[in-house]
Amino acid sequence: MSSTTSISVQTEPKLNKRVEIALNILLAIVGPLLIIGLLEGVAYFWEKAQAQGPYAWEMVASRRLVWVPYREPGAGFTLMKPYSHYEWQGIPVEINMHGLRGPDTTFKKPNGEYRILNLGDSVAMGWGVRQEETYGMRLEKMLNTGAGGNQPYEVINAGVPGWNLENELSYLEAQGVLYEPDVLVLDVTLANDINGKSALLRQNGSALIQWLRAHTYFWPFLSIQMEWLQARAAGKDRISFIDPPIEAGKYFPTDPDNPKWERIWGEIEAIDNTAKNNGASFILTLFPLEYQVLDENYPTTAQDFLTAKAAEQNIPVVDLLPDFRRACQEKPGGTCQLEDRYLFADVWMHPSALGHQIAADELAKFVPEEVQAAK
C-alpha cells in the first residue's frame, strides 16, 4: 500500500490594499521631493558661485533683495527689508532700520549738523561698490575734512534699486523730509529714471512666483537656464541680465520734443519744490551711460534737455558726462573699452569706485554754497 505525502506551499500574504495605496502615494510624493531637493542643492552651490563671480550683482543681487512696499503717497515706493545683510563679490551690503543702505540714523537732525539727502536709485545706493566708496559717503568725508570738524556734515543714502522719479518723489514726501535735510541731491540715472517703470510693479506678479524667487534656489536657477536656452536659440551670446541694449531709445526719447520729457521734468520740478518747501536746497546730478562715455556721437538728448531746463529755473546741475569722458581719455595704459570696469562697476551703468569719486569731487564744488543758501 502506497502512501502519498502532501506538501503544502505557503505564499506570502498579500499586502493590505489600503497599505499598498498608501505606499504608492508616499512614493509619488517622496520621489519628486527628492528630485527637488537634489536640484535645490545643485542650485544653492551654483548661486553661491555666481554671487562671487563677475556678474554677481546682475545675476544674484537683483533677485535676492527683499522689498517692503509702500503704496502711498502718490505712486508709492519700496524700501529694502530693515536690518537685512547681503554679500556679493565680497562686498557687504548692510540695510539699516529705515530700509536704506548705511548706518542707523535718526529722523531728527542733531543741533549744528548739516544734512544732505542723497536721493536716487541703485547708483546712489552704491550698486557694485562698497558703502565707503559711494559718492555720498565720499562727499561726507570730504566735507567734514574741509570743515575741520566745526560743521559736521551727514549724507543720508536714500538710494534704492529700481526707483524711478515717481518713487523718489513719493519717498521724499513720506519719509525723506523727516530727515530735515539742508540740501537734497537728486541722482538721475539715464538708464532707469527716464524709461524705467515704478519699483512697485515687481510686487504685482504672481504671488507663487514671487515666493519661489525669494525662498528657493532652484527657481532662479531654472529661470536663468531657460533664458540661456532662449538666448542661444536666438543666436545671442548673452542673456538679458548681462546684455544691455545699445540703442539710445531704450533709455530715453531721442526726440527732444517728445512729450515724455515734459512729464519727466515735471517730476523733477515736483521734487525740487518739495525740497525747497521743506527748507532744503536742490542739486540735480546726471549720471551718464557707458555708451555715451565711449562714443561722442552717442545721443545726449537727456543731458541737453535737463541741463537746459535746469538753467531756466536756476537749478544747480552736475552733468558728469564731460568728467567721465575726460577720465576715460586719461586712463593709464589707454582709453576705456566697453565693460572694462574702469568707470563702471558692471555691464550696465553703475559707476565704479572711481566713477563715484568723480561724482563726489564735482558735488563738493556745489554743496557748501547750497548749504549756505538753505540757512
Protein backbone atom coordinates (compact mmCIF):
# COMPACT_ATOMS: atom_id res chain seq x y z
CA MET A 1 0.00 0.00 0.00
CA SER A 2 1.48 3.20 -1.08
CA SER A 3 1.12 6.44 0.75
CA THR A 4 1.34 9.94 -0.65
CA THR A 5 2.83 12.84 1.14
CA SER A 6 1.15 16.17 0.58
CA ILE A 7 3.40 19.18 0.56
CA SER A 8 1.80 22.46 1.31
CA VAL A 9 3.36 25.59 -0.22
CA GLN A 10 2.90 28.72 1.79
CA THR A 11 2.79 32.06 -0.04
CA GLU A 12 3.45 35.46 1.49
CA PRO A 13 0.26 37.18 2.44
CA LYS A 14 -0.77 39.93 0.12
CA LEU A 15 -0.40 43.47 1.41
CA ASN A 16 -3.48 45.09 2.66
CA LYS A 17 -4.98 47.11 -0.17
CA ARG A 18 -5.00 50.30 1.88
CA VAL A 19 -1.32 49.90 2.79
CA GLU A 20 -0.45 49.39 -0.87
CA ILE A 21 -2.29 52.56 -1.86
CA ALA A 22 -0.60 54.50 0.93
CA LEU A 23 2.84 53.32 -0.19
CA ASN A 24 2.14 54.33 -3.78
CA ILE A 25 1.05 57.78 -2.65
CA LEU A 26 4.14 58.10 -0.47
CA LEU A 27 6.40 57.16 -3.37
CA ALA A 28 4.59 59.65 -5.61
CA ILE A 29 5.30 62.38 -3.06
CA VAL A 30 8.79 61.43 -1.94
CA GLY A 31 10.15 60.89 -5.44
CA PRO A 32 9.55 64.45 -6.71
CA LEU A 33 10.66 65.86 -3.34
CA LEU A 34 13.96 64.04 -3.62
CA ILE A 35 14.44 65.38 -7.13
CA ILE A 36 13.59 68.92 -5.99
CA GLY A 37 15.89 68.54 -3.00
CA LEU A 38 18.75 67.43 -5.24
CA LEU A 39 18.06 70.27 -7.65
CA GLU A 40 17.86 72.74 -4.76
CA GLY A 41 21.29 71.59 -3.56
CA VAL A 42 22.83 71.98 -7.01
CA ALA A 43 21.20 75.40 -7.42
CA TYR A 44 22.42 76.50 -3.98
CA PHE A 45 26.07 75.89 -4.85
CA TRP A 46 25.57 77.39 -8.32
CA GLU A 47 24.18 80.62 -6.82
CA LYS A 48 26.93 80.81 -4.21
CA ALA A 49 29.49 80.61 -7.01
CA GLN A 50 27.60 83.25 -9.03
CA ALA A 51 27.49 85.56 -6.00
CA GLN A 52 31.29 85.80 -6.09
CA GLY A 53 31.60 85.87 -9.88
CA PRO A 54 31.88 88.81 -12.31
CA TYR A 55 28.09 89.05 -12.76
CA ALA A 56 27.14 88.70 -9.11
CA TRP A 57 25.19 91.95 -8.91
CA GLU A 58 23.28 91.37 -12.12
CA MET A 59 22.58 87.66 -11.69
CA VAL A 60 22.08 87.35 -7.93
CA ALA A 61 21.71 90.71 -6.19
CA SER A 62 18.82 91.84 -8.36
CA ARG A 63 16.89 88.70 -7.37
CA ARG A 64 17.77 88.42 -3.69
CA LEU A 65 16.99 91.84 -2.26
CA VAL A 66 13.89 91.67 -0.07
CA TRP A 67 11.48 94.53 -0.57
CA VAL A 68 8.94 96.26 1.63
CA PRO A 69 6.28 98.01 -0.49
CA TYR A 70 4.65 101.32 0.42
CA ARG A 71 1.59 102.05 -1.70
CA GLU A 72 1.23 105.69 -0.69
CA PRO A 73 1.62 108.59 -1.22
CA GLY A 74 1.32 109.11 -4.95
CA ALA A 75 2.93 106.34 -6.96
CA GLY A 76 4.31 104.74 -3.80
CA PHE A 77 7.79 103.36 -3.29
CA THR A 78 9.73 100.38 -1.99
CA LEU A 79 12.37 100.07 0.71
CA MET A 80 14.77 97.25 1.45
CA LYS A 81 13.97 94.98 4.38
CA PRO A 82 15.36 96.62 7.56
CA TYR A 83 18.41 95.02 9.13
CA SER A 84 18.97 92.64 6.24
CA HIS A 85 22.50 91.68 5.23
CA TYR A 86 23.89 90.66 1.85
CA GLU A 87 27.25 90.00 0.29
CA TRP A 88 28.04 89.94 -3.41
CA GLN A 89 31.54 89.78 -4.90
CA GLY A 90 32.84 90.06 -1.36
CA ILE A 91 31.10 93.43 -0.94
CA PRO A 92 28.87 93.61 2.16
CA VAL A 93 25.55 95.43 1.97
CA GLU A 94 24.03 96.37 5.32
CA ILE A 95 20.48 97.70 5.43
CA ASN A 96 19.61 99.97 8.34
CA MET A 97 16.49 100.41 10.45
CA HIS A 98 14.87 102.64 7.82
CA GLY A 99 15.33 100.24 4.90
CA LEU A 100 18.30 102.11 3.39
CA ARG A 101 21.93 101.19 2.93
CA GLY A 102 24.13 102.64 5.62
CA PRO A 103 24.37 103.05 9.38
CA ASP A 104 21.34 103.75 11.54
CA THR A 105 20.46 107.39 11.94
CA THR A 106 17.51 109.25 13.41
CA PHE A 107 15.00 111.32 11.50
CA LYS A 108 15.59 114.15 13.96
CA LYS A 109 18.62 116.17 12.91
CA PRO A 110 21.18 116.86 15.68
CA ASN A 111 21.83 120.50 16.50
CA GLY A 112 24.58 122.06 14.42
CA GLU A 113 24.58 119.31 11.80
CA TYR A 114 24.07 119.89 8.09
CA ARG A 115 22.31 117.09 6.33
CA ILE A 116 22.41 116.12 2.69
CA LEU A 117 19.71 113.74 1.46
CA ASN A 118 21.16 111.77 -1.44
CA LEU A 119 18.02 110.70 -3.28
CA GLY A 120 18.15 108.23 -6.14
CA ASP A 121 18.18 104.66 -7.33
CA SER A 122 20.81 101.91 -7.34
CA VAL A 123 23.53 104.38 -8.38
CA ALA A 124 23.04 106.42 -5.20
CA MET A 125 22.73 103.20 -3.20
CA GLY A 126 26.15 102.11 -4.46
CA TRP A 127 25.40 99.11 -6.66
CA GLY A 128 28.61 97.18 -7.17
CA VAL A 129 30.81 99.17 -4.77
CA ARG A 130 31.47 99.26 -1.04
CA GLN A 131 29.49 101.63 1.12
CA GLU A 132 32.54 103.78 1.87
CA GLU A 133 33.20 104.05 -1.89
CA THR A 134 29.81 105.56 -2.74
CA TYR A 135 29.81 109.18 -3.81
CA GLY A 136 27.58 110.06 -0.86
CA MET A 137 29.98 108.70 1.73
CA ARG A 138 33.00 110.15 -0.10
CA LEU A 139 31.27 113.52 -0.19
CA GLU A 140 30.53 113.37 3.54
CA LYS A 141 34.17 112.61 4.32
CA MET A 142 35.44 115.39 2.05
CA LEU A 143 33.11 117.99 3.52
CA ASN A 144 33.89 117.09 7.12
CA THR A 145 37.61 117.13 6.41
CA GLY A 146 37.31 120.57 4.84
CA ALA A 147 35.19 121.87 7.70
CA GLY A 148 37.80 120.87 10.26
CA GLY A 149 35.12 119.27 12.41
CA ASN A 150 33.42 122.60 13.12
CA GLN A 151 30.45 121.96 10.84
CA PRO A 152 29.69 118.25 10.78
CA TYR A 153 28.02 117.07 7.61
CA GLU A 154 25.94 113.92 7.28
CA VAL A 155 24.90 112.39 3.98
CA ILE A 156 21.82 110.16 4.11
CA ASN A 157 21.96 107.44 1.45
CA ALA A 158 18.34 107.49 0.24
CA GLY A 159 19.06 105.41 -2.84
CA VAL A 160 17.02 102.27 -3.51
CA PRO A 161 17.46 99.96 -6.53
CA GLY A 162 14.62 100.10 -9.02
CA TRP A 163 13.26 103.51 -8.06
CA ASN A 164 12.25 105.93 -10.76
CA LEU A 165 11.43 109.62 -10.30
CA GLU A 166 7.85 108.89 -9.22
CA ASN A 167 9.06 106.57 -6.46
CA GLU A 168 11.67 109.09 -5.37
CA LEU A 169 9.06 111.85 -5.09
CA SER A 170 6.75 109.59 -3.09
CA TYR A 171 9.54 108.61 -0.72
CA LEU A 172 10.63 112.21 -0.28
CA GLU A 173 7.10 113.27 0.68
CA ALA A 174 6.57 110.33 3.04
CA GLN A 175 9.94 109.90 4.75
CA GLY A 176 12.72 111.90 3.12
CA VAL A 177 11.62 115.25 4.53
CA LEU A 178 11.61 113.74 8.04
CA TYR A 179 15.42 113.83 7.98
CA GLU A 180 15.22 117.65 7.84
CA PRO A 181 17.79 117.92 5.02
CA ASP A 182 19.59 121.18 4.28
CA VAL A 183 20.40 120.02 0.76
CA LEU A 184 18.76 117.44 -1.47
CA VAL A 185 20.95 115.85 -4.15
CA LEU A 186 18.85 114.09 -6.79
CA ASP A 187 20.58 111.36 -8.79
CA VAL A 188 19.04 111.00 -12.24
CA THR A 189 20.22 107.80 -13.89
CA LEU A 190 19.55 107.80 -17.62
CA ALA A 191 19.23 104.02 -17.80
CA ASN A 192 16.42 103.90 -15.25
CA ASP A 193 14.79 107.22 -14.44
CA ILE A 194 13.54 108.17 -17.91
CA ASN A 195 12.03 104.98 -19.33
CA GLY A 196 12.12 102.97 -16.09
CA LYS A 197 8.90 101.66 -14.59
CA SER A 198 7.80 102.05 -11.00
CA ALA A 199 9.57 99.80 -8.50
CA LEU A 200 6.18 98.70 -7.19
CA LEU A 201 5.45 96.83 -10.41
CA ARG A 202 7.70 94.00 -9.24
CA GLN A 203 5.17 93.42 -6.46
CA ASN A 204 2.31 92.87 -8.93
CA GLY A 205 3.39 89.46 -10.27
CA SER A 206 2.13 86.05 -9.27
CA ALA A 207 2.37 85.52 -5.53
CA LEU A 208 3.58 81.96 -6.12
CA ILE A 209 6.36 83.09 -8.49
CA GLN A 210 7.44 85.79 -6.04
CA TRP A 211 7.57 83.25 -3.23
CA LEU A 212 9.61 80.81 -5.32
CA ARG A 213 12.05 83.54 -6.32
CA ALA A 214 12.54 84.63 -2.72
CA HIS A 215 12.56 81.28 -0.92
CA THR A 216 14.14 78.77 -3.28
CA TYR A 217 17.39 78.38 -5.18
CA PHE A 218 16.10 76.07 -7.88
CA TRP A 219 13.55 78.51 -9.31
CA PRO A 220 16.03 81.32 -10.12
CA PHE A 221 18.49 78.66 -11.34
CA LEU A 222 15.94 77.15 -13.74
CA SER A 223 14.76 80.61 -14.85
CA ILE A 224 18.27 81.65 -15.83
CA GLN A 225 18.99 78.34 -17.56
CA MET A 226 15.82 78.81 -19.58
CA GLU A 227 16.96 82.31 -20.53
CA TRP A 228 20.27 80.89 -21.70
CA LEU A 229 18.46 78.34 -23.88
CA GLN A 230 16.29 81.05 -25.40
CA ALA A 231 19.28 83.34 -25.98
CA ARG A 232 21.26 80.63 -27.72
CA ALA A 233 18.25 79.67 -29.83
CA ALA A 234 18.05 83.30 -30.94
CA GLY A 235 21.76 83.36 -31.76
CA LYS A 236 22.69 85.65 -28.86
CA ASP A 237 25.86 85.41 -26.82
CA ARG A 238 24.36 86.63 -23.54
CA ILE A 239 21.08 86.73 -21.64
CA SER A 240 19.20 89.95 -20.90
CA PHE A 241 20.61 90.30 -17.36
CA ILE A 242 24.08 90.89 -18.75
CA ASP A 243 23.26 92.20 -22.21
CA PRO A 244 22.14 95.85 -22.04
CA PRO A 245 20.65 97.27 -25.23
CA ILE A 246 22.79 99.68 -27.23
CA GLU A 247 20.02 101.81 -28.75
CA ALA A 248 19.60 105.18 -27.01
CA GLY A 249 15.84 104.94 -27.48
CA LYS A 250 15.74 102.09 -24.98
CA TYR A 251 16.86 104.51 -22.26
CA PHE A 252 15.30 107.86 -23.18
CA PRO A 253 13.41 109.52 -26.07
CA THR A 254 15.92 110.79 -28.61
CA ASP A 255 13.44 113.42 -29.82
CA PRO A 256 13.66 116.48 -27.52
CA ASP A 257 10.06 117.35 -28.40
CA ASN A 258 8.73 114.03 -27.15
CA PRO A 259 6.00 114.80 -24.56
CA LYS A 260 7.63 112.39 -22.10
CA TRP A 261 10.34 114.98 -21.47
CA GLU A 262 7.88 117.47 -20.04
CA ARG A 263 6.46 114.76 -17.78
CA ILE A 264 9.97 113.85 -16.60
CA TRP A 265 10.79 117.47 -15.93
CA GLY A 266 7.50 117.85 -14.07
CA GLU A 267 8.57 115.07 -11.70
CA ILE A 268 12.00 116.65 -11.15
CA GLU A 269 10.34 120.01 -10.56
CA ALA A 270 7.99 118.44 -8.01
CA ILE A 271 11.00 117.02 -6.13
CA ASP A 272 12.69 120.42 -6.27
CA ASN A 273 9.57 122.16 -4.92
CA THR A 274 9.12 119.60 -2.14
CA ALA A 275 12.74 120.08 -1.08
CA LYS A 276 12.50 123.87 -1.08
CA ASN A 277 9.14 123.89 0.68
CA ASN A 278 10.86 121.98 3.48
CA GLY A 279 13.84 124.31 3.71
CA ALA A 280 16.32 122.37 1.57
CA SER A 281 18.33 123.48 -1.44
CA PHE A 282 18.34 121.28 -4.52
CA ILE A 283 21.10 119.91 -6.77
CA LEU A 284 20.39 117.84 -9.88
CA THR A 285 23.04 115.24 -10.75
CA LEU A 286 23.09 113.41 -14.09
CA PHE A 287 24.87 110.05 -14.40
CA PRO A 288 25.75 109.03 -17.97
CA LEU A 289 25.52 105.76 -19.84
CA GLU A 290 28.76 103.95 -20.57
CA TYR A 291 27.93 104.16 -24.28
CA GLN A 292 27.87 107.95 -24.03
CA VAL A 293 31.26 108.00 -22.35
CA LEU A 294 32.88 105.85 -25.04
CA ASP A 295 31.19 107.33 -28.10
CA GLU A 296 31.00 111.12 -28.54
CA ASN A 297 28.40 110.61 -31.28
CA TYR A 298 26.01 108.75 -28.97
CA PRO A 299 22.83 110.79 -28.35
CA THR A 300 22.90 113.12 -25.34
CA THR A 301 19.29 114.27 -25.59
CA ALA A 302 18.71 113.61 -21.89
CA GLN A 303 21.59 115.77 -20.72
CA ASP A 304 20.80 118.51 -23.24
CA PHE A 305 17.15 118.75 -22.26
CA LEU A 306 17.60 118.50 -18.49
CA THR A 307 20.51 120.94 -18.25
CA ALA A 308 18.61 123.48 -20.35
CA LYS A 309 15.50 123.21 -18.17
CA ALA A 310 17.59 123.46 -15.01
CA ALA A 311 19.29 126.62 -16.34
CA GLU A 312 15.90 128.21 -17.00
CA GLN A 313 14.98 127.76 -13.33
CA ASN A 314 18.42 128.44 -11.83
CA ILE A 315 18.72 124.89 -10.53
CA PRO A 316 22.33 123.75 -9.98
CA VAL A 317 23.07 120.75 -12.17
CA VAL A 318 26.07 118.43 -12.15
CA ASP A 319 26.39 116.77 -15.56
CA LEU A 320 29.00 114.06 -15.08
CA LEU A 321 29.37 113.11 -18.75
CA PRO A 322 32.28 115.52 -19.50
CA ASP A 323 34.13 114.40 -16.36
CA PHE A 324 33.66 110.73 -17.16
CA ARG A 325 34.84 111.26 -20.74
CA ARG A 326 37.91 113.11 -19.51
CA ALA A 327 38.76 110.35 -17.04
CA CYS A 328 38.30 107.77 -19.78
CA GLN A 329 40.71 109.59 -22.07
CA GLU A 330 43.26 109.85 -19.26
CA LYS A 331 43.06 106.21 -18.26
CA PRO A 332 46.53 104.77 -17.67
CA GLY A 333 47.51 102.38 -20.43
CA GLY A 334 44.98 103.65 -22.94
CA THR A 335 41.41 104.89 -23.21
CA CYS A 336 38.43 102.99 -21.80
CA GLN A 337 36.91 99.99 -23.52
CA LEU A 338 33.35 98.76 -23.23
CA GLU A 339 32.76 96.86 -19.97
CA ASP A 340 36.36 97.20 -18.82
CA ARG A 341 35.08 98.02 -15.30
CA TYR A 342 37.18 101.20 -15.16
CA LEU A 343 34.45 103.82 -14.69
CA PHE A 344 31.55 101.41 -14.41
CA ALA A 345 31.19 98.54 -11.96
CA ASP A 346 29.05 96.27 -14.13
CA VAL A 347 27.71 95.77 -17.63
CA TRP A 348 25.01 98.40 -17.20
CA MET A 349 25.55 101.93 -15.93
CA HIS A 350 26.52 101.74 -12.27
CA PRO A 351 29.70 103.72 -11.52
CA SER A 352 32.81 102.03 -10.25
CA ALA A 353 34.63 103.31 -7.19
CA LEU A 354 36.45 105.76 -9.48
CA GLY A 355 33.15 106.87 -11.01
CA HIS A 356 31.78 107.56 -7.52
CA GLN A 357 34.91 109.52 -6.64
CA ILE A 358 34.46 111.73 -9.70
CA ALA A 359 30.84 112.38 -8.71
CA ALA A 360 31.85 113.28 -5.15
CA ASP A 361 34.55 115.65 -6.41
CA GLU A 362 32.08 117.53 -8.59
CA LEU A 363 29.34 117.67 -5.95
CA ALA A 364 31.80 119.02 -3.38
CA LYS A 365 32.07 122.16 -5.54
CA PHE A 366 28.34 122.85 -5.16
CA VAL A 367 27.31 121.65 -1.73
CA PRO A 368 28.86 124.35 0.51
CA GLU A 369 27.10 127.10 -1.48
CA GLU A 370 23.80 125.24 -1.28
CA VAL A 371 24.14 124.75 2.47
CA GLN A 372 24.60 128.50 2.87
CA ALA A 373 21.57 129.11 0.65
CA ALA A 374 19.49 126.76 2.79
CA LYS A 375 20.29 128.60 6.02
